[in-house]
Amino acid sequence: MKTGMTCLAALMAMTGAAAADIKIGATLSETGPAGALGDPQAKTLKLLIEEINAAGGINGEKISLVVYDDGGDPNKARTFATRLVEEDEVNAVIGGTTSGTSMAIIPVVEEAEIPFISLAGAIEIIDPVKHWVFKTPHTDRMACAKIFEDMKKRGITKIGMISSTDGFGSSMRKQCLGIVNEYGIEVLADENYGPQDADMTPQLTNIRGKDGIQAILNPGFGQGAAVVTRNVVQLGIKIPLYESHGVASQGYIDLAGPEASEGVRLPGTALLVGDLLGDSDPQKPVVAAYKTLFEGATGAPVGTFGGYAHDAVRILADAIKRAGSAEPKAIRDAIETTKGLVGTTGTVTMSPQDHLGFDLSAFKMLEIRKGHWTIVE
């Protein structure tokens, strides 16, 4: 396992830190339970900063990138965030791969008055609005709404839930339970599992034992979600399975297996179905450019989580360019006035009341067919 300092040295060497005028910091979960999310995020940051610098930087100033690997540990994330603002003296921070690490970073950046763009899903990150805090992923509440909309269209009115007890799963479970009644849907079973659990058959057996359940919803991410998917098939459960946007990557299909994941539905971004977008879709060229850059450099398939990092860099670069300054306050103010910026996750228009910048229409309902993503709508 590489250490945060090893990662820092490598990335600074590759991005030409010594000659840079703008310094961007990041604390990401490159390793640990959320490593499948944080690793492509770190790679994406490096690639995009290299691309921007090769094109002359922003307003003629080059960018350096300082990255630490928090391993998904909120305490480490807080420590690294403190180091970024106090020792590295960064102009802005990107990161918080998970909701837990993002929430740990927030008090640090707020006290230091440094703009922060989170890459995590919990609605609490930006609701209520926090002056210095923004984020790129759809909120977990939006994911719940998208799923329940689809269930309603299919005539599903009674479901079972099995949620991860980590920060992401706990937050999404809470949000789903908070709005489920608005869609005329009843939760008949509410089970949970730990992020390191390797078998969820007891919980799924309990769900199967409840009469009338028409679908299962799993708010979770990473290996746990893949285990749930495999266990559903192993138990012979035939009702629809919905996963969260936290598994919107090829890695989930690979972990669960194409057969087990067949027919699974979840809300996702345009990035996963770029080839299926219409030629007039403004996201198509953005998605294609990122896909070419990332896959050409890494040999790995592009994914939603790297896309969150992509959008964070583009938002930050656009803000610095418009502000004509890399001063933290100028960057923050410019981020808040972002308008019509097309990213991989949606078209972003921020405001003092909205530090996410897009609505439910930015989500697409996806279904896995023969190991590939397809668009339901």
Foldseek 3Di string as FASTA:
>chain_A
DDFQVVLQVVLQVLQVVVQFDAEEEEEEACAAQCVVQGVLQSVLVSLVLNVQVVVQHFPNGHYGYGYGHQNLDLVSLLVVLLCCCPPVVHLAYEYDSEPSNLVSNVVNCLVSLFAYEYLYAAPVQQVVHDLRYFYAAHHLLLQLVVVLVVCLVVVFAEAEEEFEPDPQRVRSVVSNVVCNVVSNHYHPYYHYDYSPDQADLVRVVVRVPDPPHQEYEYRDAGLVVLSVLLSCVVVVPDHAYEYEQRHFFLVSCVNNDLVSQAFYKGKYACLQVLVVDDPPPPQNVQSVVSQCSSCVVPVDGDGRSSQRSVVVVVLQSQQCNVLVDSHRVSSSVSSQQDAQCHGRQGGAGHHSRRSHGDHSVRIFMWGRHSSGIDTPD
